[in-house]
Amino acid sequence: MTVSPLTRDLLAWIASTPRMYREAMEAWGTSCPRLSIWEDAVSDGLVQIRGGKVALTLRGESALDGVSTRQSG
């Protein structure tokens, strides 16, 4: 999977330290339809929210590492 530079920045930011959902929204949330990095990462299955915490999925980790992934289905 190829991700944009901004998406890679988001994934690296999440991977660098445990993050709370609120913190992620303050840093990455936007109402601009042209800058939907957070929304795209969630819909692409790169990040997950559990118990108020944000983490990379396996797919997100692979995308950050530059490993090609394919979505089954």
PDB file of N, CA and C in Angstrom:
ATOM      1  N   MET A   1       0.840  -1.173   0.000  1.00  0.00           N
ATOM      2  CA  MET A   1       0.000   0.000   0.000  1.00  0.00           C
ATOM      3  C   MET A   1       0.885   1.236   0.000  1.00  0.00           C
ATOM      4  N   THR A   2       0.603   2.155  -0.854  1.00  0.00           N
ATOM      5  CA  THR A   2       1.317   3.417  -0.894  1.00  0.00           C
ATOM      6  C   THR A   2       0.485   4.447  -0.141  1.00  0.00           C
ATOM      7  N   VAL A   3       1.122   5.155   0.771  1.00  0.00           N
ATOM      8  CA  VAL A   3       0.431   6.191   1.529  1.00  0.00           C
ATOM      9  C   VAL A   3       1.088   7.535   1.263  1.00  0.00           C
ATOM     10  N   SER A   4       0.305   8.585   1.411  1.00  0.00           N
ATOM     11  CA  SER A   4       0.819   9.932   1.193  1.00  0.00           C
ATOM     12  C   SER A   4       1.804  10.309   2.296  1.00  0.00           C
ATOM     13  N   PRO A   5       2.634  11.300   2.024  1.00  0.00           N
ATOM     14  CA  PRO A   5       3.569  11.755   3.061  1.00  0.00           C
ATOM     15  C   PRO A   5       2.867  12.197   4.348  1.00  0.00           C
ATOM     16  N   LEU A   6       1.724  12.863   4.244  1.00  0.00           N
ATOM     17  CA  LEU A   6       1.002  13.282   5.451  1.00  0.00           C
ATOM     18  C   LEU A   6       0.449  12.085   6.217  1.00  0.00           C
ATOM     19  N   THR A   7      -0.002  11.075   5.495  1.00  0.00           N
ATOM     20  CA  THR A   7      -0.489   9.869   6.162  1.00  0.00           C
ATOM     21  C   THR A   7       0.664   9.172   6.873  1.00  0.00           C
ATOM     22  N   ARG A   8       1.828   9.122   6.239  1.00  0.00           N
ATOM     23  CA  ARG A   8       3.004   8.538   6.896  1.00  0.00           C
ATOM     24  C   ARG A   8       3.349   9.329   8.163  1.00  0.00           C
ATOM     25  N   ASP A   9       3.223  10.646   8.104  1.00  0.00           N
ATOM     26  CA  ASP A   9       3.476  11.472   9.293  1.00  0.00           C
ATOM     27  C   ASP A   9       2.495  11.117  10.410  1.00  0.00           C
ATOM     28  N   LEU A  10       1.224  10.952  10.073  1.00  0.00           N
ATOM     29  CA  LEU A  10       0.213  10.567  11.062  1.00  0.00           C
ATOM     30  C   LEU A  10       0.555   9.211  11.666  1.00  0.00           C
ATOM     31  N   LEU A  11       0.858   8.234  10.835  1.00  0.00           N
ATOM     32  CA  LEU A  11       1.178   6.889  11.321  1.00  0.00           C
ATOM     33  C   LEU A  11       2.420   6.910  12.222  1.00  0.00           C
ATOM     34  N   ALA A  12       3.431   7.658  11.826  1.00  0.00           N
ATOM     35  CA  ALA A  12       4.644   7.758  12.638  1.00  0.00           C
ATOM     36  C   ALA A  12       4.348   8.451  13.970  1.00  0.00           C
ATOM     37  N   TRP A  13       3.499   9.463  13.948  1.00  0.00           N
ATOM     38  CA  TRP A  13       3.122  10.187  15.167  1.00  0.00           C
ATOM     39  C   TRP A  13       2.408   9.252  16.135  1.00  0.00           C
ATOM     40  N   ILE A  14       1.495   8.434  15.608  1.00  0.00           N
ATOM     41  CA  ILE A  14       0.769   7.482  16.450  1.00  0.00           C
ATOM     42  C   ILE A  14       1.718   6.413  16.979  1.00  0.00           C
ATOM     43  N   ALA A  15       2.623   5.938  16.138  1.00  0.00           N
ATOM     44  CA  ALA A  15       3.535   4.860  16.530  1.00  0.00           C
ATOM     45  C   ALA A  15       4.573   5.317  17.554  1.00  0.00           C
ATOM     46  N   SER A  16       4.858   6.609  17.601  1.00  0.00           N
ATOM     47  CA  SER A  16       5.948   7.094  18.449  1.00  0.00           C
ATOM     48  C   SER A  16       5.664   6.994  19.942  1.00  0.00           C
ATOM     49  N   THR A  17       4.413   7.065  20.328  1.00  0.00           N
ATOM     50  CA  THR A  17       4.041   7.009  21.747  1.00  0.00           C
ATOM     51  C   THR A  17       2.541   6.744  21.856  1.00  0.00           C
ATOM     52  N   PRO A  18       2.078   6.133  22.927  1.00  0.00           N
ATOM     53  CA  PRO A  18       0.633   5.913  23.067  1.00  0.00           C
ATOM     54  C   PRO A  18      -0.134   7.236  22.983  1.00  0.00           C
ATOM     55  N   ARG A  19      -1.226   7.226  22.256  1.00  0.00           N
ATOM     56  CA  ARG A  19      -2.020   8.437  22.045  1.00  0.00           C
ATOM     57  C   ARG A  19      -3.470   8.185  22.428  1.00  0.00           C
ATOM     58  N   MET A  20      -4.080   9.197  23.002  1.00  0.00           N
ATOM     59  CA  MET A  20      -5.503   9.150  23.294  1.00  0.00           C
ATOM     60  C   MET A  20      -6.262   9.709  22.093  1.00  0.00           C
ATOM     61  N   TYR A  21      -7.503   9.261  21.933  1.00  0.00           N
ATOM     62  CA  TYR A  21      -8.327   9.711  20.813  1.00  0.00           C
ATOM     63  C   TYR A  21      -8.465  11.232  20.813  1.00  0.00           C
ATOM     64  N   ARG A  22      -8.721  11.803  21.975  1.00  0.00           N
ATOM     65  CA  ARG A  22      -8.892  13.256  22.060  1.00  0.00           C
ATOM     66  C   ARG A  22      -7.643  13.990  21.566  1.00  0.00           C
ATOM     67  N   GLU A  23      -6.470  13.501  21.962  1.00  0.00           N
ATOM     68  CA  GLU A  23      -5.213  14.099  21.520  1.00  0.00           C
ATOM     69  C   GLU A  23      -5.070  14.013  20.001  1.00  0.00           C
ATOM     70  N   ALA A  24      -5.442  12.870  19.450  1.00  0.00           N
ATOM     71  CA  ALA A  24      -5.367  12.692  17.996  1.00  0.00           C
ATOM     72  C   ALA A  24      -6.304  13.656  17.279  1.00  0.00           C
ATOM     73  N   MET A  25      -7.503  13.838  17.817  1.00  0.00           N
ATOM     74  CA  MET A  25      -8.453  14.749  17.190  1.00  0.00           C
ATOM     75  C   MET A  25      -7.982  16.198  17.274  1.00  0.00           C
ATOM     76  N   GLU A  26      -7.373  16.564  18.380  1.00  0.00           N
ATOM     77  CA  GLU A  26      -6.852  17.921  18.514  1.00  0.00           C
ATOM     78  C   GLU A  26      -5.724  18.174  17.516  1.00  0.00           C
ATOM     79  N   ALA A  27      -4.908  17.175  17.286  1.00  0.00           N
ATOM     80  CA  ALA A  27      -3.760  17.333  16.398  1.00  0.00           C
ATOM     81  C   ALA A  27      -4.087  17.095  14.929  1.00  0.00           C
ATOM     82  N   TRP A  28      -4.987  16.149  14.640  1.00  0.00           N
ATOM     83  CA  TRP A  28      -5.189  15.716  13.259  1.00  0.00           C
ATOM     84  C   TRP A  28      -6.606  15.885  12.726  1.00  0.00           C
ATOM     85  N   GLY A  29      -7.562  16.162  13.581  1.00  0.00           N
ATOM     86  CA  GLY A  29      -8.933  16.323  13.118  1.00  0.00           C
ATOM     87  C   GLY A  29      -9.082  17.604  12.312  1.00  0.00           C
ATOM     88  N   THR A  30      -9.948  17.587  11.326  1.00  0.00           N
ATOM     89  CA  THR A  30     -10.170  18.766  10.495  1.00  0.00           C
ATOM     90  C   THR A  30     -11.581  18.736   9.930  1.00  0.00           C
ATOM     91  N   SER A  31     -12.089  19.887   9.623  1.00  0.00           N
ATOM     92  CA  SER A  31     -13.389  19.964   8.962  1.00  0.00           C
ATOM     93  C   SER A  31     -13.220  20.264   7.478  1.00  0.00           C
ATOM     94  N   CYS A  32     -11.986  20.333   7.032  1.00  0.00           N
ATOM     95  CA  CYS A  32     -11.693  20.621   5.627  1.00  0.00           C
ATOM     96  C   CYS A  32     -11.789  19.338   4.801  1.00  0.00           C
ATOM     97  N   PRO A  33     -12.707  19.284   3.837  1.00  0.00           N
ATOM     98  CA  PRO A  33     -12.846  18.066   3.029  1.00  0.00           C
ATOM     99  C   PRO A  33     -11.620  17.755   2.165  1.00  0.00           C
ATOM    100  N   ARG A  34     -10.746  18.711   1.974  1.00  0.00           N
ATOM    101  CA  ARG A  34      -9.544  18.478   1.171  1.00  0.00           C
ATOM    102  C   ARG A  34      -8.382  17.957   2.002  1.00  0.00           C
ATOM    103  N   LEU A  35      -8.517  17.960   3.319  1.00  0.00           N
ATOM    104  CA  LEU A  35      -7.449  17.503   4.195  1.00  0.00           C
ATOM    105  C   LEU A  35      -8.039  16.507   5.187  1.00  0.00           C
ATOM    106  N   SER A  36      -8.275  15.309   4.693  1.00  0.00           N
ATOM    107  CA  SER A  36      -8.960  14.290   5.499  1.00  0.00           C
ATOM    108  C   SER A  36      -8.016  13.164   5.903  1.00  0.00           C
ATOM    109  N   ILE A  37      -6.826  13.512   6.341  1.00  0.00           N
ATOM    110  CA  ILE A  37      -5.809  12.518   6.673  1.00  0.00           C
ATOM    111  C   ILE A  37      -6.324  11.535   7.712  1.00  0.00           C
ATOM    112  N   TRP A  38      -6.865  12.038   8.813  1.00  0.00           N
ATOM    113  CA  TRP A  38      -7.358  11.174   9.887  1.00  0.00           C
ATOM    114  C   TRP A  38      -8.480  10.269   9.374  1.00  0.00           C
ATOM    115  N   GLU A  39      -9.477  10.853   8.734  1.00  0.00           N
ATOM    116  CA  GLU A  39     -10.622  10.089   8.248  1.00  0.00           C
ATOM    117  C   GLU A  39     -10.195   9.026   7.241  1.00  0.00           C
ATOM    118  N   ASP A  40      -9.271   9.373   6.366  1.00  0.00           N
ATOM    119  CA  ASP A  40      -8.776   8.416   5.379  1.00  0.00           C
ATOM    120  C   ASP A  40      -8.032   7.258   6.049  1.00  0.00           C
ATOM    121  N   ALA A  41      -7.234   7.567   7.061  1.00  0.00           N
ATOM    122  CA  ALA A  41      -6.484   6.514   7.760  1.00  0.00           C
ATOM    123  C   ALA A  41      -7.425   5.552   8.465  1.00  0.00           C
ATOM    124  N   VAL A  42      -8.487   6.068   9.050  1.00  0.00           N
ATOM    125  CA  VAL A  42      -9.473   5.205   9.704  1.00  0.00           C
ATOM    126  C   VAL A  42     -10.200   4.358   8.676  1.00  0.00           C
ATOM    127  N   SER A  43     -10.699   4.975   7.616  1.00  0.00           N
ATOM    128  CA  SER A  43     -11.464   4.224   6.608  1.00  0.00           C
ATOM    129  C   SER A  43     -10.592   3.235   5.834  1.00  0.00           C
ATOM    130  N   ASP A  44      -9.293   3.510   5.727  1.00  0.00           N
ATOM    131  CA  ASP A  44      -8.374   2.584   5.055  1.00  0.00           C
ATOM    132  C   ASP A  44      -7.891   1.471   5.980  1.00  0.00           C
ATOM    133  N   GLY A  45      -8.336   1.497   7.236  1.00  0.00           N
ATOM    134  CA  GLY A  45      -7.963   0.442   8.175  1.00  0.00           C
ATOM    135  C   GLY A  45      -6.525   0.538   8.657  1.00  0.00           C
ATOM    136  N   LEU A  46      -5.975   1.755   8.701  1.00  0.00           N
ATOM    137  CA  LEU A  46      -4.591   1.949   9.131  1.00  0.00           C
ATOM    138  C   LEU A  46      -4.477   2.210  10.629  1.00  0.00           C
ATOM    139  N   VAL A  47      -5.542   2.776  11.207  1.00  0.00           N
ATOM    140  CA  VAL A  47      -5.564   3.068  12.643  1.00  0.00           C
ATOM    141  C   VAL A  47      -6.843   2.518  13.247  1.00  0.00           C
ATOM    142  N   GLN A  48      -6.791   2.283  14.549  1.00  0.00           N
ATOM    143  CA  GLN A  48      -7.972   1.812  15.268  1.00  0.00           C
ATOM    144  C   GLN A  48      -8.094   2.581  16.578  1.00  0.00           C
ATOM    145  N   ILE A  49      -9.308   2.644  17.072  1.00  0.00           N
ATOM    146  CA  ILE A  49      -9.581   3.304  18.341  1.00  0.00           C
ATOM    147  C   ILE A  49     -10.179   2.266  19.265  1.00  0.00           C
ATOM    148  N   ARG A  50      -9.533   2.057  20.406  1.00  0.00           N
ATOM    149  CA  ARG A  50     -10.020   1.093  21.396  1.00  0.00           C
ATOM    150  C   ARG A  50      -9.868   1.690  22.784  1.00  0.00           C
ATOM    151  N   GLY A  51     -10.959   1.717  23.503  1.00  0.00           N
ATOM    152  CA  GLY A  51     -10.909   2.230  24.864  1.00  0.00           C
ATOM    153  C   GLY A  51     -10.375   3.648  24.961  1.00  0.00           C
ATOM    154  N   GLY A  52     -10.674   4.456  23.963  1.00  0.00           N
ATOM    155  CA  GLY A  52     -10.218   5.838  23.963  1.00  0.00           C
ATOM    156  C   GLY A  52      -8.789   6.032  23.528  1.00  0.00           C
ATOM    157  N   LYS A  53      -8.104   4.943  23.161  1.00  0.00           N
ATOM    158  CA  LYS A  53      -6.715   5.026  22.708  1.00  0.00           C
ATOM    159  C   LYS A  53      -6.634   4.759  21.209  1.00  0.00           C
ATOM    160  N   VAL A  54      -5.680   5.397  20.579  1.00  0.00           N
ATOM    161  CA  VAL A  54      -5.460   5.251  19.142  1.00  0.00           C
ATOM    162  C   VAL A  54      -4.210   4.410  18.934  1.00  0.00           C
ATOM    163  N   ALA A  55      -4.282   3.472  17.994  1.00  0.00           N
ATOM    164  CA  ALA A  55      -3.133   2.619  17.689  1.00  0.00           C
ATOM    165  C   ALA A  55      -3.143   2.263  16.209  1.00  0.00           C
ATOM    166  N   LEU A  56      -1.988   1.889  15.726  1.00  0.00           N
ATOM    167  CA  LEU A  56      -1.902   1.400  14.350  1.00  0.00           C
ATOM    168  C   LEU A  56      -2.454  -0.012  14.284  1.00  0.00           C
ATOM    169  N   THR A  57      -3.080  -0.322  13.178  1.00  0.00           N
ATOM    170  CA  THR A  57      -3.456  -1.701  12.895  1.00  0.00           C
ATOM    171  C   THR A  57      -2.242  -2.381  12.266  1.00  0.00           C
ATOM    172  N   LEU A  58      -2.333  -3.672  12.036  1.00  0.00           N
ATOM    173  CA  LEU A  58      -1.245  -4.354  11.319  1.00  0.00           C
ATOM    174  C   LEU A  58      -1.039  -3.742   9.946  1.00  0.00           C
ATOM    175  N   ARG A  59      -2.137  -3.389   9.310  1.00  0.00           N
ATOM    176  CA  ARG A  59      -2.055  -2.753   7.993  1.00  0.00           C
ATOM    177  C   ARG A  59      -1.349  -1.396   8.099  1.00  0.00           C
ATOM    178  N   GLY A  60      -1.648  -0.644   9.162  1.00  0.00           N
ATOM    179  CA  GLY A  60      -0.997   0.641   9.384  1.00  0.00           C
ATOM    180  C   GLY A  60       0.489   0.488   9.639  1.00  0.00           C
ATOM    181  N   GLU A  61       0.852  -0.520  10.419  1.00  0.00           N
ATOM    182  CA  GLU A  61       2.271  -0.789  10.669  1.00  0.00           C
ATOM    183  C   GLU A  61       2.984  -1.142   9.372  1.00  0.00           C
ATOM    184  N   SER A  62       2.345  -1.963   8.549  1.00  0.00           N
ATOM    185  CA  SER A  62       2.944  -2.340   7.270  1.00  0.00           C
ATOM    186  C   SER A  62       3.105  -1.139   6.357  1.00  0.00           C
ATOM    187  N   ALA A  63       2.098  -0.269   6.332  1.00  0.00           N
ATOM    188  CA  ALA A  63       2.172   0.928   5.497  1.00  0.00           C
ATOM    189  C   ALA A  63       3.295   1.852   5.974  1.00  0.00           C
ATOM    190  N   LEU A  64       3.444   1.971   7.276  1.00  0.00           N
ATOM    191  CA  LEU A  64       4.508   2.808   7.825  1.00  0.00           C
ATOM    192  C   LEU A  64       5.873   2.236   7.494  1.00  0.00           C
ATOM    193  N   ASP A  65       5.989   0.914   7.534  1.00  0.00           N
ATOM    194  CA  ASP A  65       7.255   0.259   7.209  1.00  0.00           C
ATOM    195  C   ASP A  65       7.526   0.210   5.709  1.00  0.00           C
ATOM    196  N   GLY A  66       6.540   0.616   4.905  1.00  0.00           N
ATOM    197  CA  GLY A  66       6.711   0.599   3.466  1.00  0.00           C
ATOM    198  C   GLY A  66       6.495  -0.762   2.843  1.00  0.00           C
ATOM    199  N   VAL A  67       5.869  -1.676   3.592  1.00  0.00           N
ATOM    200  CA  VAL A  67       5.593  -3.012   3.082  1.00  0.00           C
ATOM    201  C   VAL A  67       4.312  -2.955   2.263  1.00  0.00           C
ATOM    202  N   SER A  68       4.334  -3.533   1.103  1.00  0.00           N
ATOM    203  CA  SER A  68       3.146  -3.574   0.274  1.00  0.00           C
ATOM    204  C   SER A  68       2.103  -4.498   0.898  1.00  0.00           C
ATOM    205  N   THR A  69       0.877  -3.975   1.047  1.00  0.00           N
ATOM    206  CA  THR A  69      -0.216  -4.779   1.589  1.00  0.00           C
ATOM    207  C   THR A  69      -1.385  -4.736   0.638  1.00  0.00           C
ATOM    208  N   ARG A  70      -2.191  -5.782   0.697  1.00  0.00           N
ATOM    209  CA  ARG A  70      -3.405  -5.836  -0.113  1.00  0.00           C
ATOM    210  C   ARG A  70      -4.563  -6.108   0.811  1.00  0.00           C
ATOM    211  N   GLN A  71      -5.661  -5.436   0.544  1.00  0.00           N
ATOM    212  CA  GLN A  71      -6.861  -5.647   1.349  1.00  0.00           C
ATOM    213  C   GLN A  71      -7.605  -6.826   0.758  1.00  0.00           C
ATOM    214  N   SER A  72      -7.904  -7.808   1.590  1.00  0.00           N
ATOM    215  CA  SER A  72      -8.656  -8.956   1.091  1.00  0.00           C
ATOM    216  C   SER A  72     -10.109  -8.615   1.054  1.00  0.00           C
ATOM    217  N   GLY A  73     -10.810  -9.295   0.162  1.00  0.00           N
ATOM    218  CA  GLY A  73     -12.250  -9.037   0.147  1.00  0.00           C
ATOM    219  C   GLY A  73     -12.798  -9.079  -1.143  1.00  0.00           C
TER     220      GLY A  73
END
